[in-house]
Amino acid sequence: MISEKIYSIQKEISNFNYEGWLLYNFRETNIFASKVVEIPDSFSKTRRYFYFIPKNGEPKKLVHSIEQWNLDHLPGEKIVFSSWSSLVDGLKELLKNVKSIAMEYSPMNAIPYVSKVDAGTIELIKSLGIKIESSADLVQLIEARWDNEQSSDQFETAKMLRETVDIAFNFIGDEIKKGNRVTEYDVQQRMMENFKKFDYITYAEPHCCVNGNGANPHYEPTKEKHSEIKKGDYVLIDLWAKKNKPKSVYADITWVAFVGDEIPKKYQEVFDIVKGARDSAVKFIIDKFEKGNSARGCDVDDAARNYINSFGYGKYFVHRTGHSIGEEIHGNGANMDNYETNDQREIIPRTCFSIEPGIYLPDEFGIRLEIDVFITKEKKVFIPGEPIQTEIVKIKV
């Protein structure tokens, strides 16, 4: 009997032209297969397995003889192999009369986040006369869409992050006014205190970057390595978290500030360009949806990147415009990317992603203005955690 979970996957497969989804895994290298089949942690998972979910009808599973019970909790006929030759025979039986399938594969590795099946296995399946399509769009439908509880939780998390921004900047100002030494690490730990106060969790501690450290998009202060924050400094904070509960999803924002009253002209100029790029990306999505058109992640990236290019700062925008957000900080939906990768997936309802253009001037400063964008069921654009940053925060000292 087909389970409710498998039946819901089959409903999504019916949106595509291929005949089914072939899940392949070896030592948990395919996170999507792992999530679908959910083999208990106590089980040994050292051998290859295949699980074929057809568009219609009963699934089939191909498992190694010494781990042949691993998929018994899933519906479908079981085929057992042991030698490499019996593996090929098993695949022929598993995919009998099938001409086209989806797998975790991306042509030319355009979307590496989905490329979880090795080239040799792809060659093996193709040798059976089967056409392989990318499962990228299918994965997004299954993995990236939020339910109502997840979206509600994320909106609350975004509000908490926004409040943490004010706490962090006020902390800097207060400490300097008192004549105390305050560092990037101190600010990081102050933000973590607020997360813990409300029982929020994160895969890594938030970032606080001063001056030239902000020109490194992934700079991270530590207890051993950090810089002091003083009057006249530029400060960037990047913070992300989620509720401490099952299936919770992340919020992720970035803000910048200046310690003092007189903001230097160049800092203001770069801020205005980054803000314009961010707003151009959001406007692009809104305009597309209001006209009844689709919007692709790569095109959103182009909208932000072209804006920055027009001011001559293109070479200093060194990463994608945004990433999918889910139970992991970097989720499995469409990324706003035509730079690091060519993500041609369409943005779909009930998904969330960041918009975070940045300009990074080596040894000077970096400005990134990150917001989260949630697409409602009706394809309306909603920004959790508003108000978003429209002016450089002045930290009074």
Protein backbone atom coordinates (compact mmCIF):
# COMPACT_ATOMS: atom_id res chain seq x y z
CA MET A 1 0.00 0.00 0.00
CA ILE A 2 1.35 3.43 -0.97
CA SER A 3 1.98 5.69 2.03
CA GLU A 4 0.66 9.22 2.27
CA LYS A 5 4.20 10.59 1.97
CA ILE A 6 4.97 8.65 -1.22
CA TYR A 7 1.55 9.50 -2.65
CA SER A 8 2.22 13.22 -2.11
CA ILE A 9 5.54 12.86 -3.92
CA GLN A 10 3.82 11.10 -6.81
CA LYS A 11 1.38 14.01 -7.08
CA GLU A 12 4.36 16.35 -7.52
CA ILE A 13 6.00 14.04 -10.07
CA SER A 14 2.81 14.22 -12.12
CA ASN A 15 3.66 17.86 -12.88
CA PHE A 16 6.61 16.74 -14.99
CA ASN A 17 7.11 14.81 -18.22
CA TYR A 18 9.33 12.05 -16.83
CA GLU A 19 8.00 8.72 -15.59
CA GLY A 20 9.35 8.74 -12.06
CA TRP A 21 12.04 9.74 -9.57
CA LEU A 22 14.98 7.45 -8.99
CA LEU A 23 16.56 8.05 -5.60
CA TYR A 24 20.13 6.81 -5.26
CA ASN A 25 22.32 6.94 -2.18
CA PHE A 26 25.75 5.75 -1.12
CA ARG A 27 27.00 6.50 2.39
CA GLU A 28 24.48 9.33 2.75
CA THR A 29 25.98 11.40 -0.07
CA ASN A 30 22.51 12.30 -1.37
CA ILE A 31 20.77 14.38 1.29
CA PHE A 32 17.51 14.39 -0.66
CA ALA A 33 17.37 10.61 -0.85
CA SER A 34 18.19 10.47 2.86
CA LYS A 35 15.30 12.77 3.71
CA VAL A 36 12.78 10.85 1.64
CA VAL A 37 13.66 7.31 2.72
CA GLU A 38 14.49 8.18 6.36
CA ILE A 39 16.52 5.12 7.31
CA PRO A 40 16.83 4.99 11.11
CA ASP A 41 20.13 6.30 12.47
CA SER A 42 20.80 2.99 14.20
CA PHE A 43 20.94 1.15 10.86
CA SER A 44 24.22 0.52 9.06
CA LYS A 45 24.31 2.49 5.79
CA THR A 46 27.46 1.38 3.99
CA ARG A 47 26.01 0.01 0.74
CA ARG A 48 24.27 1.53 -2.27
CA TYR A 49 20.52 1.55 -2.60
CA PHE A 50 18.00 2.73 -5.19
CA TYR A 51 14.37 3.64 -4.60
CA PHE A 52 12.19 4.28 -7.63
CA ILE A 53 8.99 6.29 -7.18
CA PRO A 54 6.95 6.10 -10.40
CA LYS A 55 4.48 8.74 -11.45
CA ASN A 56 1.77 6.14 -10.94
CA GLY A 57 1.74 2.77 -9.25
CA GLU A 58 3.82 0.98 -6.65
CA PRO A 59 7.46 2.04 -5.98
CA LYS A 60 10.36 -0.41 -6.20
CA LYS A 61 13.54 -0.71 -4.16
CA LEU A 62 16.94 -2.16 -4.96
CA VAL A 63 19.04 -2.99 -1.88
CA HIS A 64 22.24 -4.84 -1.08
CA SER A 65 21.94 -8.29 0.44
CA ILE A 66 23.66 -7.38 3.71
CA GLU A 67 21.46 -4.29 4.15
CA GLN A 68 18.36 -5.62 2.45
CA TRP A 69 16.08 -4.68 5.36
CA ASN A 70 16.97 -0.95 5.35
CA LEU A 71 14.02 0.09 3.20
CA ASP A 72 11.44 -2.32 4.58
CA HIS A 73 9.53 0.58 6.14
CA LEU A 74 8.80 1.91 2.63
CA PRO A 75 6.18 0.57 0.24
CA GLY A 76 7.17 -1.31 -2.88
CA GLU A 77 8.62 -4.53 -4.26
CA LYS A 78 12.13 -5.34 -3.01
CA ILE A 79 14.90 -6.46 -5.34
CA VAL A 80 18.13 -7.67 -3.72
CA PHE A 81 21.61 -7.52 -5.25
CA SER A 82 25.04 -8.52 -3.99
CA SER A 83 27.61 -8.49 -6.84
CA TRP A 84 28.16 -5.63 -9.29
CA SER A 85 26.70 -7.75 -12.07
CA SER A 86 23.58 -8.45 -10.05
CA LEU A 87 23.32 -4.71 -9.41
CA VAL A 88 23.03 -4.10 -13.15
CA ASP A 89 20.46 -6.88 -13.45
CA GLY A 90 18.56 -5.39 -10.53
CA LEU A 91 18.50 -1.94 -12.16
CA LYS A 92 17.10 -3.47 -15.33
CA GLU A 93 14.31 -5.02 -13.30
CA LEU A 94 13.78 -1.87 -11.23
CA LEU A 95 13.43 0.30 -14.34
CA LYS A 96 11.78 -2.18 -16.70
CA ASN A 97 9.74 -0.39 -19.40
CA VAL A 98 10.84 3.02 -18.09
CA LYS A 99 12.28 5.54 -20.58
CA SER A 100 12.83 8.76 -18.59
CA ILE A 101 13.46 9.51 -14.93
CA ALA A 102 14.58 12.31 -12.63
CA MET A 103 17.72 12.09 -10.53
CA GLU A 104 19.82 14.49 -8.44
CA TYR A 105 21.77 15.67 -11.45
CA SER A 106 22.28 19.11 -12.99
CA PRO A 107 23.35 19.46 -16.64
CA MET A 108 26.83 21.02 -16.82
CA ASN A 109 26.64 21.20 -13.00
CA ALA A 110 24.76 24.48 -13.32
CA ILE A 111 23.11 23.96 -9.92
CA PRO A 112 25.72 22.06 -7.85
CA TYR A 113 23.46 22.02 -4.77
CA VAL A 114 21.33 19.42 -6.58
CA SER A 115 24.16 17.37 -8.10
CA LYS A 116 24.30 14.57 -5.55
CA VAL A 117 24.61 11.57 -7.89
CA ASP A 118 28.10 10.78 -9.18
CA ALA A 119 28.87 10.78 -12.90
CA GLY A 120 29.54 7.04 -12.99
CA THR A 121 26.09 6.20 -11.67
CA ILE A 122 24.54 8.58 -14.20
CA GLU A 123 26.48 6.78 -16.94
CA LEU A 124 25.30 3.42 -15.64
CA ILE A 125 21.63 4.42 -15.76
CA LYS A 126 22.01 5.98 -19.20
CA SER A 127 23.63 2.77 -20.47
CA LEU A 128 20.26 1.10 -19.90
CA GLY A 129 18.72 3.39 -22.52
CA ILE A 130 17.08 5.68 -19.99
CA LYS A 131 16.96 9.46 -20.27
CA ILE A 132 17.82 11.32 -17.08
CA GLU A 133 16.30 14.69 -16.22
CA SER A 134 17.32 16.96 -13.37
CA SER A 135 15.23 16.64 -10.22
CA ALA A 136 16.00 20.29 -9.30
CA ASP A 137 12.44 21.55 -9.77
CA LEU A 138 10.95 18.47 -8.10
CA VAL A 139 13.28 18.86 -5.12
CA GLN A 140 12.22 22.48 -4.76
CA LEU A 141 8.53 21.52 -4.69
CA ILE A 142 9.12 18.86 -2.04
CA GLU A 143 11.88 20.45 0.04
CA ALA A 144 11.59 24.23 -0.16
CA ARG A 145 7.92 25.05 0.44
CA TRP A 146 6.89 26.00 3.95
CA ASP A 147 3.72 25.12 5.77
CA ASN A 148 1.78 27.73 7.76
CA GLU A 149 3.51 26.92 11.04
CA GLN A 150 6.95 27.29 9.51
CA SER A 151 6.17 30.65 7.94
CA SER A 152 4.60 31.93 11.16
CA ASP A 153 7.65 30.81 13.15
CA GLN A 154 10.03 32.44 10.71
CA PHE A 155 8.21 35.76 10.85
CA GLU A 156 8.61 35.73 14.64
CA THR A 157 12.28 34.81 14.28
CA ALA A 158 12.87 37.65 11.83
CA LYS A 159 11.30 40.05 14.34
CA MET A 160 13.65 38.76 17.04
CA LEU A 161 16.65 39.22 14.76
CA ARG A 162 15.58 42.75 13.96
CA GLU A 163 15.40 43.52 17.70
CA THR A 164 18.83 41.92 18.16
CA VAL A 165 20.26 44.38 15.64
CA ASP A 166 19.23 47.29 17.87
CA ILE A 167 20.57 45.50 20.94
CA ALA A 168 23.95 44.95 19.25
CA PHE A 169 24.40 48.52 18.04
CA ASN A 170 23.21 49.98 21.35
CA PHE A 171 25.65 47.70 23.15
CA ILE A 172 28.54 49.10 21.11
CA GLY A 173 27.53 52.67 21.84
CA ASP A 174 26.96 52.11 25.52
CA GLU A 175 30.30 50.36 26.06
CA ILE A 176 32.29 53.05 24.26
CA LYS A 177 30.49 55.79 26.20
CA LYS A 178 31.49 54.06 29.42
CA GLY A 179 35.10 54.02 28.28
CA ASN A 180 35.12 50.24 28.03
CA ARG A 181 36.92 48.26 25.37
CA VAL A 182 34.42 46.55 23.05
CA THR A 183 35.32 44.04 20.35
CA GLU A 184 33.68 42.19 17.49
CA TYR A 185 33.68 39.09 19.68
CA ASP A 186 31.92 40.95 22.49
CA VAL A 187 29.15 42.00 20.10
CA GLN A 188 28.86 38.48 18.73
CA GLN A 189 28.42 37.09 22.24
CA ARG A 190 25.88 39.78 23.12
CA MET A 191 23.79 38.70 20.13
CA MET A 192 24.09 35.06 21.22
CA GLU A 193 22.84 36.02 24.68
CA ASN A 194 19.67 37.35 23.12
CA PHE A 195 19.21 34.19 21.04
CA LYS A 196 19.54 32.02 24.15
CA LYS A 197 17.20 34.25 26.15
CA PHE A 198 14.35 33.39 23.77
CA ASP A 199 15.52 29.81 23.03
CA TYR A 200 16.64 30.33 19.45
CA ILE A 201 19.35 28.19 17.90
CA THR A 202 21.85 28.59 15.08
CA TYR A 203 24.28 26.37 13.21
CA ALA A 204 27.04 28.97 13.76
CA GLU A 205 27.42 32.13 15.79
CA PRO A 206 26.56 35.47 14.15
CA HIS A 207 29.22 37.72 12.67
CA CYS A 208 30.35 41.20 13.64
CA CYS A 209 32.90 42.81 11.33
CA VAL A 210 34.68 46.16 11.72
CA ASN A 211 36.26 48.19 8.91
CA GLY A 212 38.34 46.03 6.55
CA ASN A 213 37.11 42.80 8.14
CA GLY A 214 33.73 43.54 6.58
CA ALA A 215 35.35 43.29 3.16
CA ASN A 216 35.60 39.54 3.76
CA PRO A 217 32.03 38.25 3.21
CA HIS A 218 32.64 35.26 5.51
CA TYR A 219 34.82 36.89 8.16
CA GLU A 220 34.07 35.47 11.59
CA PRO A 221 35.41 36.82 14.88
CA THR A 222 36.51 34.34 17.50
CA LYS A 223 37.57 34.55 21.13
CA GLU A 224 41.18 34.36 19.98
CA LYS A 225 40.97 36.52 16.85
CA HIS A 226 38.94 39.74 16.73
CA SER A 227 39.25 43.51 16.40
CA GLU A 228 38.31 46.34 18.71
CA ILE A 229 35.50 48.72 17.73
CA LYS A 230 36.19 52.43 18.14
CA LYS A 231 34.70 55.79 17.25
CA GLY A 232 34.90 56.38 13.49
CA ASP A 233 34.66 52.67 12.63
CA TYR A 234 32.29 50.91 10.21
CA VAL A 235 30.42 47.90 11.59
CA LEU A 236 28.63 45.09 9.73
CA ILE A 237 26.61 42.45 11.58
CA ASP A 238 25.24 39.31 9.97
CA LEU A 239 22.86 37.23 12.08
CA TRP A 240 20.71 34.17 11.55
CA ALA A 241 18.73 31.83 13.79
CA LYS A 242 15.65 29.65 14.08
CA LYS A 243 13.32 28.45 16.81
CA ASN A 244 14.47 25.50 18.89
CA LYS A 245 11.79 23.09 17.67
CA PRO A 246 11.37 20.43 14.98
CA LYS A 247 10.93 21.67 11.38
CA SER A 248 11.70 25.29 12.29
CA VAL A 249 13.19 27.45 9.53
CA TYR A 250 15.83 30.17 9.55
CA ALA A 251 15.68 33.93 9.32
CA ASP A 252 18.84 35.68 8.12
CA ILE A 253 19.60 39.43 7.95
CA THR A 254 22.57 41.81 7.67
CA TRP A 255 22.82 45.44 8.85
CA VAL A 256 25.56 48.07 8.87
CA ALA A 257 26.38 51.02 11.12
CA PHE A 258 28.89 53.81 11.66
CA VAL A 259 30.28 54.68 15.07
CA GLY A 260 29.83 58.45 15.18
CA ASP A 261 27.83 61.29 13.64
CA GLU A 262 29.73 62.20 10.45
CA ILE A 263 29.35 59.40 7.90
CA PRO A 264 32.15 59.54 5.31
CA LYS A 265 31.06 60.29 1.74
CA LYS A 266 32.40 57.03 0.23
CA TYR A 267 30.67 54.91 2.84
CA GLN A 268 27.37 56.66 2.13
CA GLU A 269 27.88 56.32 -1.63
CA VAL A 270 28.47 52.56 -1.48
CA PHE A 271 25.58 52.09 0.95
CA ASP A 272 23.19 53.84 -1.44
CA ILE A 273 24.31 51.64 -4.34
CA VAL A 274 23.87 48.42 -2.38
CA LYS A 275 20.47 49.57 -1.16
CA GLY A 276 19.47 50.37 -4.74
CA ALA A 277 20.56 46.92 -5.90
CA ARG A 278 18.59 45.22 -3.13
CA ASP A 279 15.47 47.22 -3.90
CA SER A 280 15.86 46.63 -7.65
CA ALA A 281 15.88 42.86 -7.07
CA VAL A 282 12.72 43.02 -4.96
CA LYS A 283 10.98 45.29 -7.48
CA PHE A 284 11.89 42.90 -10.29
CA ILE A 285 10.10 40.03 -8.53
CA ILE A 286 7.05 42.14 -7.66
CA ASP A 287 6.72 43.43 -11.24
CA LYS A 288 6.98 39.92 -12.68
CA PHE A 289 4.33 38.48 -10.39
CA GLU A 290 1.96 41.43 -10.78
CA LYS A 291 2.03 40.89 -14.55
CA GLY A 292 1.30 37.19 -14.12
CA ASN A 293 4.78 36.13 -15.22
CA SER A 294 7.29 33.82 -13.61
CA ALA A 295 10.59 34.93 -12.11
CA ARG A 296 13.77 32.89 -12.15
CA GLY A 297 16.53 33.04 -9.56
CA CYS A 298 19.16 33.86 -12.18
CA ASP A 299 17.15 36.84 -13.43
CA VAL A 300 16.79 38.28 -9.92
CA ASP A 301 20.56 38.08 -9.58
CA ASP A 302 20.94 39.92 -12.88
CA ALA A 303 18.65 42.72 -11.67
CA ALA A 304 20.78 43.39 -8.60
CA ARG A 305 24.12 42.83 -10.36
CA ASN A 306 23.29 45.08 -13.30
CA TYR A 307 22.43 47.89 -10.90
CA ILE A 308 25.79 47.61 -9.14
CA ASN A 309 27.61 47.26 -12.49
CA SER A 310 26.07 50.52 -13.67
CA PHE A 311 27.97 52.37 -10.93
CA GLY A 312 31.28 50.70 -11.73
CA TYR A 313 31.44 48.48 -8.64
CA GLY A 314 30.68 45.16 -10.34
CA LYS A 315 34.04 43.54 -9.60
CA TYR A 316 33.48 44.13 -5.89
CA PHE A 317 30.21 42.18 -5.81
CA VAL A 318 31.72 38.73 -5.44
CA HIS A 319 28.85 36.42 -4.51
CA ARG A 320 25.32 35.53 -5.56
CA THR A 321 22.46 37.90 -4.74
CA GLY A 322 20.67 35.44 -2.47
CA HIS A 323 20.13 31.89 -1.28
CA SER A 324 17.15 29.70 -0.53
CA ILE A 325 16.19 29.53 3.15
CA GLY A 326 14.69 26.53 4.92
CA GLU A 327 15.38 24.22 7.83
CA GLU A 328 19.01 24.72 6.83
CA ILE A 329 20.26 28.29 6.47
CA HIS A 330 21.03 27.53 2.81
CA GLY A 331 17.88 25.78 1.68
CA ASN A 332 16.97 23.63 -1.30
CA GLY A 333 14.89 26.02 -3.37
CA ALA A 334 15.88 28.47 -6.08
CA ASN A 335 18.90 30.63 -5.32
CA MET A 336 19.12 34.17 -6.63
CA ASP A 337 22.19 33.33 -8.64
CA ASN A 338 23.51 33.84 -12.13
CA TYR A 339 27.08 34.43 -10.95
CA GLU A 340 28.41 31.54 -8.90
CA THR A 341 25.92 29.19 -10.56
CA ASN A 342 23.25 29.43 -13.22
CA ASP A 343 20.07 28.78 -11.26
CA GLN A 344 17.24 28.86 -13.77
CA ARG A 345 14.64 27.51 -11.37
CA GLU A 346 11.48 29.56 -11.05
CA ILE A 347 10.61 31.15 -7.73
CA ILE A 348 7.52 29.37 -6.44
CA PRO A 349 4.90 30.19 -3.79
CA ARG A 350 5.49 29.38 -0.10
CA THR A 351 9.26 29.61 -0.43
CA CYS A 352 11.73 31.99 1.17
CA PHE A 353 15.11 33.30 0.11
CA SER A 354 17.55 36.08 0.91
CA ILE A 355 18.28 39.17 -1.13
CA GLU A 356 21.75 40.32 -0.07
CA PRO A 357 23.83 42.25 -2.62
CA GLY A 358 27.13 43.53 -1.32
CA ILE A 359 30.15 45.61 -2.26
CA TYR A 360 33.47 44.64 -0.67
CA LEU A 361 36.42 47.03 -0.89
CA PRO A 362 39.60 45.23 0.27
CA ASP A 363 41.24 46.72 3.37
CA GLU A 364 38.51 49.41 3.57
CA PHE A 365 35.02 48.10 4.33
CA GLY A 366 32.20 45.94 3.04
CA ILE A 367 28.50 46.73 2.86
CA ARG A 368 25.86 44.03 2.54
CA LEU A 369 22.17 44.63 3.14
CA GLU A 370 20.42 41.31 3.60
CA ILE A 371 16.69 40.80 3.85
CA ASP A 372 14.49 37.72 3.67
CA VAL A 373 11.76 37.49 1.04
CA PHE A 374 8.80 35.15 1.43
CA ILE A 375 6.47 34.40 -1.48
CA THR A 376 2.92 33.83 -0.31
CA LYS A 377 0.53 31.24 -1.72
CA GLU A 378 -0.98 34.06 -3.82
CA LYS A 379 2.52 35.02 -5.13
CA LYS A 380 2.69 38.20 -3.10
CA VAL A 381 6.10 39.38 -1.89
CA PHE A 382 6.40 39.66 1.89
CA ILE A 383 9.52 40.78 3.76
CA PRO A 384 9.69 39.36 7.30
CA GLY A 385 11.37 41.44 9.97
CA GLU A 386 10.51 44.86 8.64
CA PRO A 387 11.45 47.66 8.75
CA ILE A 388 14.40 46.91 6.48
CA GLN A 389 17.48 49.10 6.54
CA THR A 390 17.16 52.30 4.49
CA GLU A 391 19.78 54.45 6.22
CA ILE A 392 23.16 53.81 7.84
CA VAL A 393 22.70 53.40 11.57
CA LYS A 394 24.61 56.06 13.51
CA ILE A 395 25.92 54.69 16.80
CA LYS A 396 26.07 57.56 19.25
CA VAL A 397 29.18 57.69 21.40
